[in-house]
Amino acid sequence: MSPIANAALAAKIVRCAIYTRKSTEEGLEKEFNSLDAQRATAEAYIASQQQEGWRCLPATLASLGHVSRARVSQILSLVQLAPDIQETLLFLAPTERGRDPIRLRQLQALAALPDWRHQRRRWQELRTSTGPGTARPPVGE
């Protein structure tokens, strides 16, 4: 996606909340009940409108993951990163000791750049400044 398209999409985000209800408690004991079905249907519809800027609010993810909504929002902001940067992050070796060489705050600043070319340049600078620890192969290789 071009930088202009990225900026245009960011300008027209539609935050969506999902409300489900059931008039009786019948069937709520099931592992997947009608409330779950309603939520899944609504989430699928919101996902189908993603190109229009629709985004589901992170409250459910937060409760399922036992984290705050703010933390989910912070993590979800990382989807603005260029796909190759996302992939690199997914396959970074786990930190064995100490602190991770790359911090969430650094990644958020990177994700805030609308142009992926700028993101890639800053990503290379970040990886260079954090040293070889960010580029080490996974344990066992």
N, C-alpha and C. Protein backbone atom coordinates (compact mmCIF):
# COMPACT_ATOMS: atom_id res chain seq x y z
N MET A 1 0.84 -1.17 0.00
CA MET A 1 0.00 0.00 0.00
C MET A 1 0.89 1.24 0.00
N SER A 2 0.53 2.22 -0.78
CA SER A 2 1.34 3.43 -0.89
C SER A 2 1.24 4.25 0.38
N PRO A 3 2.21 5.13 0.60
CA PRO A 3 2.17 6.00 1.79
C PRO A 3 0.91 6.86 1.82
N ILE A 4 0.47 7.32 0.65
CA ILE A 4 -0.74 8.14 0.59
C ILE A 4 -1.95 7.32 0.98
N ALA A 5 -2.02 6.07 0.50
CA ALA A 5 -3.14 5.19 0.86
C ALA A 5 -3.11 4.87 2.35
N ASN A 6 -1.91 4.63 2.89
CA ASN A 6 -1.78 4.39 4.34
C ASN A 6 -2.31 5.57 5.14
N ALA A 7 -1.92 6.78 4.75
CA ALA A 7 -2.34 7.99 5.45
C ALA A 7 -3.85 8.19 5.31
N ALA A 8 -4.39 7.92 4.12
CA ALA A 8 -5.83 8.08 3.91
C ALA A 8 -6.61 7.09 4.76
N LEU A 9 -6.13 5.85 4.85
CA LEU A 9 -6.80 4.84 5.65
C LEU A 9 -6.77 5.22 7.13
N ALA A 10 -5.62 5.71 7.59
CA ALA A 10 -5.50 6.11 8.98
C ALA A 10 -6.46 7.24 9.31
N ALA A 11 -6.75 8.09 8.33
CA ALA A 11 -7.63 9.22 8.56
C ALA A 11 -9.10 8.82 8.66
N LYS A 12 -9.46 7.65 8.14
CA LYS A 12 -10.88 7.28 8.16
C LYS A 12 -11.14 5.97 8.91
N ILE A 13 -10.50 5.80 10.03
CA ILE A 13 -10.73 4.63 10.87
C ILE A 13 -12.14 4.71 11.48
N VAL A 14 -12.87 3.61 11.39
CA VAL A 14 -14.19 3.51 12.00
C VAL A 14 -14.09 2.48 13.11
N ARG A 15 -14.13 2.93 14.34
CA ARG A 15 -14.02 2.02 15.48
C ARG A 15 -15.39 1.38 15.74
N CYS A 16 -15.41 0.06 15.79
CA CYS A 16 -16.66 -0.68 15.92
C CYS A 16 -16.70 -1.46 17.24
N ALA A 17 -17.81 -1.36 17.92
CA ALA A 17 -18.05 -2.15 19.12
C ALA A 17 -19.09 -3.21 18.79
N ILE A 18 -19.01 -4.34 19.43
CA ILE A 18 -19.96 -5.42 19.18
C ILE A 18 -20.80 -5.61 20.43
N TYR A 19 -22.10 -5.62 20.24
CA TYR A 19 -23.02 -5.86 21.34
C TYR A 19 -23.80 -7.13 21.03
N THR A 20 -23.78 -8.09 21.93
CA THR A 20 -24.55 -9.33 21.75
C THR A 20 -25.52 -9.46 22.90
N ARG A 21 -26.63 -10.15 22.65
CA ARG A 21 -27.58 -10.38 23.73
C ARG A 21 -28.34 -11.66 23.50
N LYS A 22 -28.85 -12.17 24.59
CA LYS A 22 -29.68 -13.38 24.57
C LYS A 22 -30.80 -13.15 25.56
N SER A 23 -32.03 -13.45 25.16
CA SER A 23 -33.16 -13.14 26.02
C SER A 23 -33.35 -14.14 27.16
N THR A 24 -32.79 -15.34 27.01
CA THR A 24 -32.87 -16.33 28.09
C THR A 24 -31.49 -16.88 28.36
N GLU A 25 -31.33 -17.60 29.43
CA GLU A 25 -30.04 -18.21 29.74
C GLU A 25 -29.91 -19.61 29.15
N GLU A 26 -30.95 -20.05 28.45
CA GLU A 26 -30.94 -21.37 27.85
C GLU A 26 -29.80 -21.50 26.84
N GLY A 27 -28.99 -22.53 26.98
CA GLY A 27 -27.91 -22.83 26.05
C GLY A 27 -26.61 -22.10 26.34
N LEU A 28 -26.58 -21.24 27.34
CA LEU A 28 -25.35 -20.49 27.64
C LEU A 28 -24.25 -21.37 28.19
N GLU A 29 -24.61 -22.55 28.70
CA GLU A 29 -23.60 -23.45 29.26
C GLU A 29 -22.79 -24.15 28.17
N LYS A 30 -23.25 -24.09 26.92
CA LYS A 30 -22.52 -24.73 25.82
C LYS A 30 -21.19 -24.03 25.59
N GLU A 31 -20.22 -24.80 25.09
CA GLU A 31 -18.90 -24.23 24.82
C GLU A 31 -18.98 -23.11 23.78
N PHE A 32 -19.77 -23.31 22.75
CA PHE A 32 -20.00 -22.28 21.73
C PHE A 32 -21.49 -22.03 21.68
N ASN A 33 -21.92 -20.89 22.22
CA ASN A 33 -23.36 -20.62 22.30
C ASN A 33 -23.75 -19.51 21.32
N SER A 34 -25.00 -19.10 21.39
CA SER A 34 -25.49 -18.10 20.43
C SER A 34 -24.80 -16.75 20.60
N LEU A 35 -24.36 -16.42 21.80
CA LEU A 35 -23.62 -15.17 21.99
C LEU A 35 -22.28 -15.23 21.25
N ASP A 36 -21.63 -16.38 21.32
CA ASP A 36 -20.37 -16.56 20.59
C ASP A 36 -20.62 -16.47 19.08
N ALA A 37 -21.72 -17.06 18.63
CA ALA A 37 -22.05 -17.03 17.20
C ALA A 37 -22.33 -15.60 16.74
N GLN A 38 -23.06 -14.84 17.57
CA GLN A 38 -23.32 -13.44 17.23
C GLN A 38 -22.03 -12.65 17.12
N ARG A 39 -21.15 -12.86 18.10
CA ARG A 39 -19.87 -12.14 18.11
C ARG A 39 -19.04 -12.52 16.88
N ALA A 40 -18.97 -13.81 16.58
CA ALA A 40 -18.17 -14.28 15.43
C ALA A 40 -18.70 -13.68 14.13
N THR A 41 -20.01 -13.64 13.99
CA THR A 41 -20.62 -13.08 12.79
C THR A 41 -20.30 -11.59 12.66
N ALA A 42 -20.43 -10.87 13.76
CA ALA A 42 -20.13 -9.43 13.75
C ALA A 42 -18.66 -9.18 13.46
N GLU A 43 -17.77 -9.96 14.07
CA GLU A 43 -16.34 -9.80 13.82
C GLU A 43 -16.00 -10.08 12.36
N ALA A 44 -16.63 -11.10 11.78
CA ALA A 44 -16.39 -11.42 10.38
C ALA A 44 -16.85 -10.27 9.48
N TYR A 45 -17.99 -9.67 9.82
CA TYR A 45 -18.49 -8.56 9.01
C TYR A 45 -17.55 -7.36 9.12
N ILE A 46 -17.11 -7.05 10.32
CA ILE A 46 -16.18 -5.93 10.52
C ILE A 46 -14.90 -6.20 9.74
N ALA A 47 -14.42 -7.43 9.79
CA ALA A 47 -13.20 -7.78 9.04
C ALA A 47 -13.41 -7.59 7.54
N SER A 48 -14.61 -7.89 7.05
CA SER A 48 -14.89 -7.73 5.62
C SER A 48 -14.92 -6.27 5.21
N GLN A 49 -15.07 -5.37 6.16
CA GLN A 49 -15.11 -3.94 5.89
C GLN A 49 -13.78 -3.25 6.23
N GLN A 50 -12.76 -4.04 6.47
CA GLN A 50 -11.47 -3.49 6.87
C GLN A 50 -10.92 -2.49 5.85
N GLN A 51 -11.12 -2.75 4.56
CA GLN A 51 -10.62 -1.84 3.54
C GLN A 51 -11.30 -0.48 3.62
N GLU A 52 -12.45 -0.42 4.28
CA GLU A 52 -13.16 0.85 4.49
C GLU A 52 -12.72 1.53 5.79
N GLY A 53 -11.78 0.91 6.50
CA GLY A 53 -11.26 1.50 7.73
C GLY A 53 -11.93 1.01 9.00
N TRP A 54 -12.81 0.01 8.90
CA TRP A 54 -13.49 -0.50 10.08
C TRP A 54 -12.51 -1.27 10.96
N ARG A 55 -12.56 -1.03 12.27
CA ARG A 55 -11.72 -1.73 13.24
C ARG A 55 -12.56 -2.10 14.44
N CYS A 56 -12.40 -3.32 14.90
CA CYS A 56 -13.11 -3.80 16.08
C CYS A 56 -12.39 -3.28 17.32
N LEU A 57 -13.15 -2.79 18.28
CA LEU A 57 -12.55 -2.32 19.53
C LEU A 57 -11.90 -3.49 20.25
N PRO A 58 -10.81 -3.26 20.96
CA PRO A 58 -10.01 -4.34 21.54
C PRO A 58 -10.48 -4.90 22.87
N ALA A 59 -11.66 -4.56 23.36
CA ALA A 59 -12.09 -5.01 24.69
C ALA A 59 -12.12 -6.53 24.83
N THR A 60 -12.65 -7.23 23.83
CA THR A 60 -12.73 -8.69 23.92
C THR A 60 -11.35 -9.32 23.92
N LEU A 61 -10.48 -8.84 23.04
CA LEU A 61 -9.12 -9.37 23.01
C LEU A 61 -8.45 -9.17 24.36
N ALA A 62 -8.68 -8.03 24.96
CA ALA A 62 -8.07 -7.73 26.25
C ALA A 62 -8.55 -8.70 27.31
N SER A 63 -9.86 -8.95 27.35
CA SER A 63 -10.37 -9.85 28.38
C SER A 63 -9.92 -11.29 28.14
N LEU A 64 -9.86 -11.70 26.88
CA LEU A 64 -9.40 -13.06 26.57
C LEU A 64 -7.92 -13.23 26.88
N GLY A 65 -7.13 -12.19 26.64
CA GLY A 65 -5.70 -12.27 26.86
C GLY A 65 -5.27 -11.86 28.26
N HIS A 66 -6.24 -11.45 29.09
CA HIS A 66 -5.95 -11.01 30.46
C HIS A 66 -4.96 -9.86 30.49
N VAL A 67 -5.15 -8.92 29.57
CA VAL A 67 -4.34 -7.71 29.54
C VAL A 67 -5.28 -6.51 29.43
N SER A 68 -4.72 -5.33 29.58
CA SER A 68 -5.55 -4.12 29.49
C SER A 68 -5.89 -3.80 28.04
N ARG A 69 -6.97 -3.04 27.85
CA ARG A 69 -7.33 -2.61 26.51
C ARG A 69 -6.24 -1.72 25.92
N ALA A 70 -5.60 -0.93 26.78
CA ALA A 70 -4.52 -0.07 26.30
C ALA A 70 -3.38 -0.91 25.72
N ARG A 71 -3.04 -2.02 26.39
CA ARG A 71 -1.97 -2.89 25.90
C ARG A 71 -2.35 -3.51 24.55
N VAL A 72 -3.61 -3.93 24.41
CA VAL A 72 -4.06 -4.49 23.13
C VAL A 72 -3.96 -3.43 22.04
N SER A 73 -4.37 -2.21 22.34
CA SER A 73 -4.27 -1.13 21.36
C SER A 73 -2.82 -0.88 20.96
N GLN A 74 -1.92 -0.94 21.94
CA GLN A 74 -0.50 -0.76 21.64
C GLN A 74 -0.01 -1.84 20.68
N ILE A 75 -0.40 -3.07 20.96
CA ILE A 75 0.04 -4.19 20.12
C ILE A 75 -0.59 -4.10 18.73
N LEU A 76 -1.88 -3.76 18.68
CA LEU A 76 -2.56 -3.67 17.39
C LEU A 76 -2.01 -2.55 16.52
N SER A 77 -1.42 -1.54 17.13
CA SER A 77 -0.83 -0.46 16.33
C SER A 77 0.32 -0.98 15.47
N LEU A 78 0.88 -2.11 15.85
CA LEU A 78 2.02 -2.66 15.11
C LEU A 78 1.62 -3.23 13.75
N VAL A 79 0.33 -3.38 13.48
CA VAL A 79 -0.08 -3.85 12.15
C VAL A 79 0.18 -2.79 11.10
N GLN A 80 0.52 -1.58 11.52
CA GLN A 80 0.87 -0.52 10.57
C GLN A 80 2.30 -0.67 10.07
N LEU A 81 3.05 -1.60 10.66
CA LEU A 81 4.42 -1.84 10.20
C LEU A 81 4.41 -2.51 8.83
N ALA A 82 5.45 -2.26 8.06
CA ALA A 82 5.60 -2.93 6.77
C ALA A 82 5.59 -4.45 6.99
N PRO A 83 4.99 -5.20 6.10
CA PRO A 83 4.88 -6.65 6.28
C PRO A 83 6.21 -7.37 6.52
N ASP A 84 7.27 -6.95 5.84
CA ASP A 84 8.55 -7.61 6.04
C ASP A 84 9.11 -7.34 7.43
N ILE A 85 8.83 -6.18 7.99
CA ILE A 85 9.26 -5.89 9.36
C ILE A 85 8.47 -6.74 10.34
N GLN A 86 7.16 -6.86 10.11
CA GLN A 86 6.32 -7.72 10.96
C GLN A 86 6.86 -9.15 10.95
N GLU A 87 7.19 -9.65 9.78
CA GLU A 87 7.69 -11.02 9.66
C GLU A 87 9.00 -11.19 10.41
N THR A 88 9.88 -10.23 10.27
CA THR A 88 11.17 -10.28 10.98
C THR A 88 10.94 -10.32 12.48
N LEU A 89 10.02 -9.50 12.97
CA LEU A 89 9.72 -9.47 14.40
C LEU A 89 9.18 -10.82 14.89
N LEU A 90 8.32 -11.42 14.08
CA LEU A 90 7.73 -12.70 14.47
C LEU A 90 8.77 -13.80 14.63
N PHE A 91 9.86 -13.69 13.86
CA PHE A 91 10.86 -14.75 13.89
C PHE A 91 12.14 -14.37 14.62
N LEU A 92 12.10 -13.30 15.40
CA LEU A 92 13.26 -12.98 16.23
C LEU A 92 13.42 -14.07 17.28
N ALA A 93 14.65 -14.37 17.58
CA ALA A 93 14.93 -15.37 18.61
C ALA A 93 14.48 -14.83 19.97
N PRO A 94 13.98 -15.69 20.84
CA PRO A 94 13.58 -15.23 22.17
C PRO A 94 14.79 -14.73 22.96
N THR A 95 14.55 -13.76 23.81
CA THR A 95 15.61 -13.23 24.66
C THR A 95 15.83 -14.21 25.80
N GLU A 96 17.03 -14.74 25.91
CA GLU A 96 17.35 -15.73 26.93
C GLU A 96 17.51 -15.09 28.31
N ARG A 97 18.22 -13.96 28.35
CA ARG A 97 18.47 -13.27 29.62
C ARG A 97 18.34 -11.77 29.42
N GLY A 98 18.00 -11.08 30.49
CA GLY A 98 17.96 -9.63 30.43
C GLY A 98 16.75 -9.11 29.68
N ARG A 99 16.90 -7.88 29.22
CA ARG A 99 15.80 -7.21 28.53
C ARG A 99 15.89 -7.42 27.03
N ASP A 100 14.73 -7.37 26.38
CA ASP A 100 14.71 -7.46 24.92
C ASP A 100 15.46 -6.27 24.34
N PRO A 101 16.23 -6.49 23.28
CA PRO A 101 16.98 -5.38 22.69
C PRO A 101 16.09 -4.37 21.97
N ILE A 102 14.91 -4.78 21.55
CA ILE A 102 13.98 -3.88 20.87
C ILE A 102 12.77 -3.69 21.77
N ARG A 103 12.40 -2.44 22.02
CA ARG A 103 11.31 -2.10 22.92
C ARG A 103 10.04 -1.75 22.14
N LEU A 104 8.89 -1.98 22.78
CA LEU A 104 7.60 -1.66 22.17
C LEU A 104 7.55 -0.19 21.78
N ARG A 105 8.05 0.68 22.62
CA ARG A 105 8.02 2.12 22.33
C ARG A 105 8.74 2.43 21.01
N GLN A 106 9.85 1.75 20.78
CA GLN A 106 10.59 1.96 19.52
C GLN A 106 9.76 1.49 18.33
N LEU A 107 9.09 0.36 18.49
CA LEU A 107 8.28 -0.18 17.40
C LEU A 107 7.06 0.69 17.13
N GLN A 108 6.48 1.26 18.18
CA GLN A 108 5.33 2.14 17.98
C GLN A 108 5.73 3.39 17.20
N ALA A 109 6.90 3.93 17.52
CA ALA A 109 7.39 5.10 16.78
C ALA A 109 7.59 4.74 15.31
N LEU A 110 8.09 3.55 15.07
CA LEU A 110 8.30 3.07 13.71
C LEU A 110 6.96 2.90 12.98
N ALA A 111 5.97 2.31 13.66
CA ALA A 111 4.66 2.08 13.06
C ALA A 111 3.93 3.38 12.77
N ALA A 112 4.27 4.44 13.47
CA ALA A 112 3.62 5.74 13.26
C ALA A 112 4.05 6.39 11.95
N LEU A 113 5.14 5.92 11.37
CA LEU A 113 5.59 6.47 10.08
C LEU A 113 4.70 5.90 8.98
N PRO A 114 4.03 6.74 8.20
CA PRO A 114 3.08 6.23 7.20
C PRO A 114 3.75 5.59 5.98
N ASP A 115 5.00 5.92 5.70
CA ASP A 115 5.69 5.42 4.51
C ASP A 115 6.54 4.21 4.88
N TRP A 116 6.27 3.07 4.26
CA TRP A 116 7.00 1.85 4.57
C TRP A 116 8.48 1.97 4.24
N ARG A 117 8.84 2.77 3.24
CA ARG A 117 10.26 2.96 2.92
C ARG A 117 10.99 3.61 4.10
N HIS A 118 10.34 4.61 4.70
CA HIS A 118 10.92 5.26 5.87
C HIS A 118 10.99 4.27 7.04
N GLN A 119 9.94 3.47 7.19
CA GLN A 119 9.94 2.47 8.25
C GLN A 119 11.13 1.52 8.07
N ARG A 120 11.33 1.06 6.85
CA ARG A 120 12.43 0.10 6.60
C ARG A 120 13.79 0.73 6.90
N ARG A 121 13.96 1.98 6.52
CA ARG A 121 15.22 2.66 6.79
C ARG A 121 15.43 2.79 8.30
N ARG A 122 14.40 3.22 9.01
CA ARG A 122 14.51 3.36 10.47
C ARG A 122 14.69 2.01 11.15
N TRP A 123 14.05 0.96 10.59
CA TRP A 123 14.18 -0.39 11.13
C TRP A 123 15.65 -0.84 11.05
N GLN A 124 16.27 -0.60 9.91
CA GLN A 124 17.69 -0.96 9.76
C GLN A 124 18.56 -0.19 10.75
N GLU A 125 18.25 1.09 10.93
CA GLU A 125 18.99 1.89 11.92
C GLU A 125 18.80 1.32 13.32
N LEU A 126 17.57 0.95 13.64
CA LEU A 126 17.26 0.39 14.95
C LEU A 126 18.00 -0.92 15.17
N ARG A 127 17.98 -1.79 14.19
CA ARG A 127 18.66 -3.08 14.32
C ARG A 127 20.16 -2.90 14.44
N THR A 128 20.71 -1.94 13.73
CA THR A 128 22.14 -1.66 13.81
C THR A 128 22.50 -1.11 15.19
N SER A 129 21.66 -0.21 15.71
CA SER A 129 21.96 0.42 17.00
C SER A 129 21.77 -0.53 18.18
N THR A 130 20.93 -1.55 18.03
CA THR A 130 20.71 -2.48 19.13
C THR A 130 21.70 -3.62 19.12
N GLY A 131 22.50 -3.70 18.06
CA GLY A 131 23.58 -4.68 18.03
C GLY A 131 23.16 -6.02 17.47
N PRO A 132 24.09 -6.96 17.51
CA PRO A 132 23.89 -8.26 16.89
C PRO A 132 22.85 -9.11 17.61
N GLY A 133 22.46 -8.76 18.81
CA GLY A 133 21.49 -9.57 19.56
C GLY A 133 20.13 -9.67 18.88
N THR A 134 19.80 -8.70 18.01
CA THR A 134 18.50 -8.73 17.34
C THR A 134 18.51 -9.60 16.09
N ALA A 135 19.70 -10.00 15.66
CA ALA A 135 19.78 -10.75 14.42
C ALA A 135 20.29 -12.18 14.65
N ARG A 136 20.38 -12.60 15.89
CA ARG A 136 20.92 -13.94 16.15
C ARG A 136 19.92 -15.00 15.72
N PRO A 137 20.42 -16.15 15.31
CA PRO A 137 19.53 -17.22 14.87
C PRO A 137 18.80 -17.83 16.06
N PRO A 138 17.65 -18.48 15.81
CA PRO A 138 16.92 -19.12 16.90
C PRO A 138 17.78 -20.16 17.62
N VAL A 139 17.46 -20.40 18.88
CA VAL A 139 18.20 -21.37 19.68
C VAL A 139 18.14 -22.73 19.01
N GLY A 140 19.28 -23.43 18.94
CA GLY A 140 19.30 -24.75 18.34
C GLY A 140 19.77 -24.76 16.90
N GLU A 141 19.96 -23.59 16.31
CA GLU A 141 20.43 -23.55 14.92
C GLU A 141 21.89 -23.17 14.87
